[in-house]
Protein backbone atom coordinates (compact mmCIF):
# COMPACT_ATOMS: atom_id res chain seq x y z
CA MET A 1 126.65 115.99 98.30
CA ALA A 2 125.19 118.76 100.90
CA ASP A 3 121.65 117.98 102.35
CA MET A 4 118.11 118.47 100.58
CA LEU A 5 114.89 119.46 101.63
CA ALA A 6 112.37 116.31 102.02
CA GLY A 7 109.11 116.13 103.47
CA ARG A 8 109.67 113.45 106.71
CA LEU A 9 106.92 111.58 108.47
CA ASN A 10 107.69 109.57 111.73
CA VAL A 11 105.16 106.86 111.54
CA ARG A 12 105.15 106.52 115.37
CA THR A 13 104.46 109.86 116.59
CA ARG A 14 102.78 110.78 113.22
CA SER A 15 104.62 114.06 112.96
CA PHE A 16 104.87 115.67 109.54
CA THR A 17 107.88 118.17 108.72
CA VAL A 18 110.29 119.46 105.67
CA THR A 19 114.03 119.06 106.73
CA GLU A 20 116.95 118.82 105.76
CA VAL A 21 118.84 115.11 105.27
CA PRO A 22 121.94 114.00 103.59
CA VAL A 23 121.04 113.41 99.67
CA PRO A 24 120.53 109.68 99.01
CA GLU A 25 123.35 107.80 97.04
CA PRO A 26 121.98 105.23 94.23
CA GLY A 27 123.24 101.77 95.04
CA HIS A 28 123.57 99.00 92.65
CA GLY A 29 121.10 98.68 89.87
CA GLU A 30 119.94 102.09 91.14
CA VAL A 31 119.51 105.54 89.61
CA ARG A 32 118.61 109.06 91.38
CA ILE A 33 116.69 111.87 89.85
CA ALA A 34 116.43 115.19 90.10
CA VAL A 35 113.01 115.54 91.29
CA LYS A 36 111.16 118.05 89.46
CA ALA A 37 107.70 117.47 90.84
CA ALA A 38 105.89 115.45 92.94
CA GLY A 39 101.70 114.64 93.27
CA VAL A 40 100.13 114.99 96.73
CA CYS A 41 97.30 112.13 97.36
CA LEU A 42 94.86 111.58 99.76
CA SER A 43 96.96 108.61 100.76
CA ASP A 44 99.71 110.57 101.68
CA VAL A 45 96.84 112.41 104.01
CA HIS A 46 96.05 108.92 105.28
CA LEU A 47 99.87 107.98 106.31
CA ILE A 48 99.85 111.30 107.97
CA ASP A 49 96.31 111.06 109.95
CA GLY A 50 97.31 107.25 110.92
CA THR A 51 94.32 105.76 108.73
CA VAL A 52 97.34 104.11 107.03
CA SER A 53 100.27 102.40 108.18
CA PRO A 54 103.40 100.99 106.00
CA LEU A 55 103.77 97.54 106.64
CA TYR A 56 107.69 97.25 105.05
CA LEU A 57 108.82 100.37 106.33
CA LYS A 58 112.52 99.51 108.04
CA GLY A 59 112.45 102.20 110.88
CA ASP A 60 110.12 104.76 112.34
CA GLU A 61 110.71 107.80 109.40
CA VAL A 62 110.14 107.61 105.80
CA THR A 63 110.12 110.35 102.73
CA LEU A 64 106.30 110.74 102.00
CA GLY A 65 105.72 111.14 98.06
CA HIS A 66 104.84 107.83 95.34
CA GLU A 67 103.42 109.83 92.34
CA VAL A 68 107.24 111.30 91.29
CA ALA A 69 108.79 112.83 87.75
CA GLY A 70 112.23 114.41 87.03
CA VAL A 71 115.51 114.06 85.39
CA VAL A 72 118.11 111.39 85.95
CA ASP A 73 121.22 112.72 87.66
CA ALA A 74 123.56 110.06 88.54
CA LEU A 75 123.78 106.04 87.96
CA GLY A 76 124.43 103.43 90.42
CA GLU A 77 126.91 100.49 89.56
CA GLY A 78 125.48 98.73 87.48
CA ALA A 79 122.73 100.55 86.29
CA GLY A 80 123.03 101.14 82.09
CA ARG A 81 119.11 101.75 81.10
CA PHE A 82 119.30 105.71 81.45
CA GLU A 83 121.48 108.75 80.56
CA VAL A 84 122.01 111.44 82.97
CA GLY A 85 119.59 114.28 81.81
CA GLN A 86 116.45 111.58 80.46
CA ARG A 87 113.63 112.57 81.58
CA VAL A 88 111.74 110.00 84.11
CA LEU A 89 109.03 109.04 86.09
CA LEU A 90 108.76 106.84 88.53
CA GLN A 91 106.15 103.63 89.39
CA ALA A 92 104.31 104.22 92.67
CA GLY A 93 105.93 101.09 94.07
CA GLU A 94 107.39 97.74 93.19
CA GLU A 95 107.24 93.89 93.60
CA ASP A 96 110.04 91.97 95.47
CA LEU A 97 111.50 88.68 94.01
CA ASP A 98 109.73 87.00 96.83
CA GLY A 99 106.28 88.75 95.99
CA THR A 100 105.90 91.37 98.41
CA VAL A 101 104.39 94.64 96.84
CA ARG A 102 106.39 97.72 98.42
CA THR A 103 104.96 100.92 98.00
CA ARG A 104 107.32 104.05 96.98
CA GLY A 105 106.57 106.97 99.89
CA VAL A 106 105.37 104.66 102.58
CA ASP A 107 107.79 101.17 102.65
CA TYR A 108 110.60 103.26 101.36
CA ASP A 109 111.67 106.84 100.62
CA GLY A 110 109.30 108.71 98.27
CA GLY A 111 109.76 112.00 95.71
CA TRP A 112 108.71 114.94 98.47
CA ALA A 113 112.44 115.76 97.93
CA GLU A 114 114.89 117.49 96.06
CA TYR A 115 116.30 113.92 94.76
CA ALA A 116 115.33 110.59 95.16
CA VAL A 117 116.94 107.30 94.54
CA ALA A 118 115.22 104.53 92.34
CA THR A 119 115.46 100.76 91.15
CA GLU A 120 116.02 100.52 87.20
CA ARG A 121 112.96 98.47 86.65
CA THR A 122 110.46 101.04 88.29
CA VAL A 123 111.99 104.17 86.38
CA VAL A 124 110.22 104.88 83.50
CA PRO A 125 111.10 107.54 80.21
CA ILE A 126 108.74 110.47 79.16
CA PRO A 127 108.58 112.64 76.38
CA ASP A 128 109.84 115.83 76.23
CA SER A 129 106.17 117.27 75.48
CA LEU A 130 105.30 115.73 78.18
CA PRO A 131 105.28 118.32 81.13
CA PHE A 132 106.69 116.90 84.87
CA GLU A 133 103.73 118.20 86.81
CA GLN A 134 101.32 116.04 84.50
CA ALA A 135 103.79 113.17 84.16
CA CYS A 136 104.23 113.16 88.04
CA ILE A 137 100.62 111.78 88.72
CA ILE A 138 100.49 109.44 85.62
CA PRO A 139 101.56 106.44 88.48
CA ASP A 140 98.65 106.33 91.07
CA ALA A 141 96.23 109.24 89.51
CA VAL A 142 95.81 107.61 86.50
CA SER A 143 97.01 104.25 86.77
CA THR A 144 94.74 103.14 89.42
CA PRO A 145 91.79 104.07 87.76
CA TRP A 146 92.97 103.08 84.29
CA ALA A 147 93.65 99.61 85.57
CA ALA A 148 90.60 99.40 87.68
CA ILE A 149 88.44 100.19 84.43
CA THR A 150 90.50 98.18 81.83
CA ALA A 151 91.91 94.63 83.97
CA THR A 152 90.12 94.28 86.73
CA ALA A 153 86.28 95.11 85.94
CA ARG A 154 87.59 94.80 81.72
CA THR A 155 84.91 97.61 80.79
CA GLU A 156 83.93 97.10 77.10
CA ALA A 157 83.10 100.24 74.77
CA GLY A 158 79.24 100.76 74.65
CA GLU A 159 78.83 98.99 78.14
CA ALA A 160 77.05 101.19 80.94
CA ALA A 161 79.31 102.52 83.84
CA GLY A 162 78.57 104.50 86.80
CA VAL A 163 81.48 106.57 88.77
CA TRP A 164 81.10 107.25 92.32
CA GLY A 165 83.38 109.91 93.82
CA VAL A 166 84.64 112.46 91.01
CA GLY A 167 87.96 112.90 93.01
CA GLY A 168 91.26 112.76 92.09
CA LEU A 169 90.67 109.08 91.15
CA GLY A 170 87.03 109.32 89.87
CA ALA A 171 87.76 112.67 87.78
CA HIS A 172 90.34 110.16 85.59
CA ALA A 173 88.19 107.13 85.43
CA VAL A 174 85.40 109.78 83.64
CA LYS A 175 87.81 110.46 81.47
CA LEU A 176 89.34 106.87 80.95
CA LEU A 177 86.11 105.71 80.31
CA ARG A 178 85.58 108.03 78.02
CA LEU A 179 88.70 107.00 76.18
CA ILE A 180 87.82 103.35 75.89
CA GLY A 181 83.90 104.28 74.45
CA ALA A 182 81.65 103.03 77.62
CA ALA A 183 78.53 104.74 77.47
CA PRO A 184 76.55 106.06 78.85
CA ILE A 185 78.80 107.02 81.82
CA ILE A 186 77.34 108.43 84.99
CA ALA A 187 79.11 110.01 87.26
CA ILE A 188 78.17 110.07 91.05
CA ASP A 189 79.03 112.78 93.59
CA PRO A 190 77.19 114.87 96.66
CA VAL A 191 79.34 117.96 95.22
CA PRO A 192 77.99 120.50 92.69
CA ALA A 193 81.39 121.32 91.74
CA ALA A 194 82.39 117.90 91.78
CA ARG A 195 79.69 116.86 88.87
CA GLU A 196 80.52 119.83 86.74
CA ARG A 197 84.04 118.61 86.53
CA ALA A 198 82.66 115.24 85.45
CA VAL A 199 80.97 116.77 82.56
CA ARG A 200 83.62 118.52 81.13
CA PHE A 201 85.79 115.68 81.64
CA GLY A 202 83.79 113.50 79.82
CA ALA A 203 80.51 111.93 81.99
CA ASP A 204 77.15 111.64 79.93
CA HIS A 205 75.03 112.05 82.90
CA VAL A 206 75.82 113.42 86.44
CA LEU A 207 73.51 112.72 89.32
CA ASP A 208 74.25 113.48 93.11
CA PRO A 209 73.78 110.01 95.21
CA GLY A 210 71.18 111.81 97.69
CA ALA A 211 68.24 112.56 95.03
CA ALA A 212 64.85 111.12 95.59
CA ASP A 213 64.85 109.83 91.78
CA PHE A 214 67.96 108.09 91.89
CA ARG A 215 67.61 104.92 90.45
CA ASP A 216 64.71 105.88 88.32
CA ALA A 217 67.49 108.40 86.80
CA VAL A 218 70.12 105.47 86.51
CA ARG A 219 67.21 103.36 84.74
CA ALA A 220 66.39 105.72 82.58
CA ALA A 221 69.99 106.26 81.21
CA THR A 222 70.93 102.82 80.79
CA GLY A 223 67.63 102.49 78.82
CA GLY A 224 66.19 100.27 81.62
CA ARG A 225 69.33 97.60 81.74
CA GLY A 226 71.43 99.30 84.90
CA LEU A 227 75.22 99.41 84.85
CA ALA A 228 77.34 97.11 83.55
CA ALA A 229 80.53 98.22 85.40
CA ALA A 230 80.33 100.25 88.93
CA PHE A 231 83.11 101.59 90.40
CA ASP A 232 83.77 102.97 94.11
CA PHE A 233 86.27 105.77 94.32
CA ALA A 234 84.52 106.86 97.69
CA GLY A 235 85.45 104.10 99.76
CA VAL A 236 82.12 104.68 101.40
CA PRO A 237 79.79 101.71 102.79
CA ALA A 238 76.73 103.33 101.16
CA VAL A 239 78.34 103.61 98.35
CA ARG A 240 78.27 99.86 97.63
CA GLU A 241 74.89 99.54 98.67
CA GLN A 242 73.60 101.94 96.10
CA ALA A 243 75.57 100.61 93.03
CA LEU A 244 74.52 96.79 93.70
CA GLY A 245 70.75 98.30 93.60
CA VAL A 246 71.30 99.76 89.88
CA MET A 247 73.53 97.14 88.33
CA GLY A 248 72.42 94.77 85.65
CA ARG A 249 72.92 91.42 84.30
CA ARG A 250 76.53 89.95 84.74
CA ALA A 251 77.72 93.60 86.17
CA ARG A 252 80.77 93.88 88.26
CA LEU A 253 81.02 96.69 90.98
CA VAL A 254 84.92 97.62 91.84
CA LEU A 255 85.93 98.71 94.83
CA ALA A 256 88.95 100.63 94.71
CA GLY A 257 88.01 103.21 97.20
CA LEU A 258 88.93 101.88 100.79
CA SER A 259 86.67 101.72 104.02
CA GLY A 260 87.92 99.09 106.45
CA ARG A 261 84.16 98.14 106.38
CA PRO A 262 82.24 94.72 105.62
CA VAL A 263 80.77 94.51 102.41
CA THR A 264 77.36 93.65 102.81
CA ILE A 265 74.74 92.59 99.89
CA ALA A 266 71.57 92.59 100.68
CA GLU A 267 69.89 90.38 98.58
CA ASP A 268 72.06 87.64 97.88
CA THR A 269 69.69 85.43 95.83
CA LEU A 270 69.04 88.70 93.35
CA PHE A 271 73.06 89.10 93.24
CA SER A 272 73.45 84.78 92.47
CA TYR A 273 70.59 85.33 90.06
CA LEU A 274 72.08 88.13 88.03
CA ARG A 275 75.85 86.53 88.52
CA GLN A 276 76.87 89.92 89.63
CA GLN A 277 80.22 90.12 90.93
CA ILE A 278 81.89 92.18 93.86
CA LEU A 279 86.04 93.17 92.86
CA GLY A 280 88.67 94.63 94.89
CA HIS A 281 91.30 96.62 93.59
CA TYR A 282 94.51 98.29 94.01
CA GLY A 283 96.65 100.35 92.46
CA SER A 284 98.19 99.18 89.32
CA GLU A 285 100.94 97.12 87.63
CA PRO A 286 103.75 98.52 85.77
CA GLU A 287 102.08 97.99 82.05
CA HIS A 288 99.19 100.24 82.89
CA VAL A 289 101.75 103.25 83.50
CA GLU A 290 103.80 102.46 80.36
CA GLN A 291 100.37 102.29 78.84
CA LEU A 292 99.18 105.77 79.91
CA VAL A 293 102.40 107.36 79.03
CA ARG A 294 101.97 106.00 75.40
CA LEU A 295 98.39 107.69 75.44
CA VAL A 296 99.39 110.72 76.52
CA GLY A 297 102.54 110.71 73.94
CA GLN A 298 99.77 110.09 71.19
CA GLY A 299 97.97 113.22 71.87
CA ARG A 300 95.18 110.74 73.16
CA LEU A 301 94.55 111.59 76.97
CA GLU A 302 94.95 115.06 78.52
CA LEU A 303 95.90 115.79 81.75
CA ALA A 304 96.72 119.47 82.15
CA GLU A 305 93.43 120.03 83.86
CA SER A 306 94.10 117.71 86.51
CA VAL A 307 97.00 119.93 87.72
CA SER A 308 95.04 121.82 90.08
CA ASP A 309 97.62 123.75 91.61
CA VAL A 310 101.75 123.40 91.76
CA LEU A 311 103.16 124.60 95.77
CA PRO A 312 107.08 124.53 96.15
CA LEU A 313 108.12 121.69 98.61
CA ALA A 314 108.77 123.64 101.47
CA ASP A 315 104.66 124.28 101.56
CA ALA A 316 103.90 120.34 101.81
CA ALA A 317 102.13 120.74 105.14
CA LEU A 318 100.07 123.43 103.49
CA ALA A 319 99.09 121.23 100.47
CA VAL A 320 98.50 118.60 102.49
CA GLU A 321 95.72 120.58 104.54
CA ARG A 322 94.65 121.98 101.33
CA ALA A 323 93.93 118.04 100.16
CA GLU A 324 92.95 116.96 103.59
CA LYS A 325 89.94 119.84 103.56
CA LYS A 326 89.47 119.61 99.77
CA THR A 327 89.62 123.07 99.56
CA GLY A 328 89.38 124.15 95.68
CA ASN A 329 88.04 120.27 95.50
CA PRO A 330 91.18 120.01 93.60
CA ILE A 331 92.34 116.86 91.47
CA ARG A 332 95.52 116.86 92.19
CA LEU A 333 98.29 119.43 94.32
CA ILE A 334 101.79 119.29 92.70
CA LEU A 335 105.13 120.01 94.95
CA ARG A 336 107.89 121.23 93.04
CA PRO A 337 111.33 121.16 94.81
């Protein structure tokens, strides 16, 4: 086939460009999809600025993009689970036989391209009713908070939950906490527009983390019990300290935002007495994506408002700039080849 456009990053020089590369051919057990939509995540920004580096990339260059949806375009030898023309999304990564987890668009070529190749086990069918622009963000933007809420924190209906950082992940966390029946849901963000969005997404209370009466407001909202589950989607050390100060007995603090900094417990005796926990969280498992596709298909979860804007693939650098500067306070920007 002819060449195609792809958003390529040289991880040695950190130079990013949209350029022409050969269309990939699917190998054994692989399928090729014609990409219809790909999400722009802060992880992509961090790859470009050097904050994050691939662990398993072979070579110096990679096509970015771990949130991908499209149509099956070709089948490799031995691939028989899908048909050409079938609508699908791709898992954000895969676990090798030796237990190594590799991320699409980081450790191997992703979906900021006209075509992408994936192993069959990472391909998930989607219903005709689900637009590609919404489907592509389910892996990561939606599945990461879903896994944090349901698997890591094991949040139960009626538990008080706090969400710090109502951006791409935190906004969905608010919506998903509402879905499972957490109550009350308290969204914390210094940006007024983000707090307004949190109300639309189902937060019962919204707070500015810098407010002088912050702790009193949380206690009042939770009937004096404090939070049962606290989620850091901001990746800021100060968030962890603030969250630990408003958590109740047997509460869990989930670190979904990455800071690269030490985690400090100011009062370990009280922490132990209350039997609190700090839990690390990263990404999601394949079943979480599949669960969300079913929930969207059954009309239990609406993602239309999550798509902040759609840009052509050729404008990927502009999308990265807008995501980095939070221009327009986006939830997710989408690239369309």
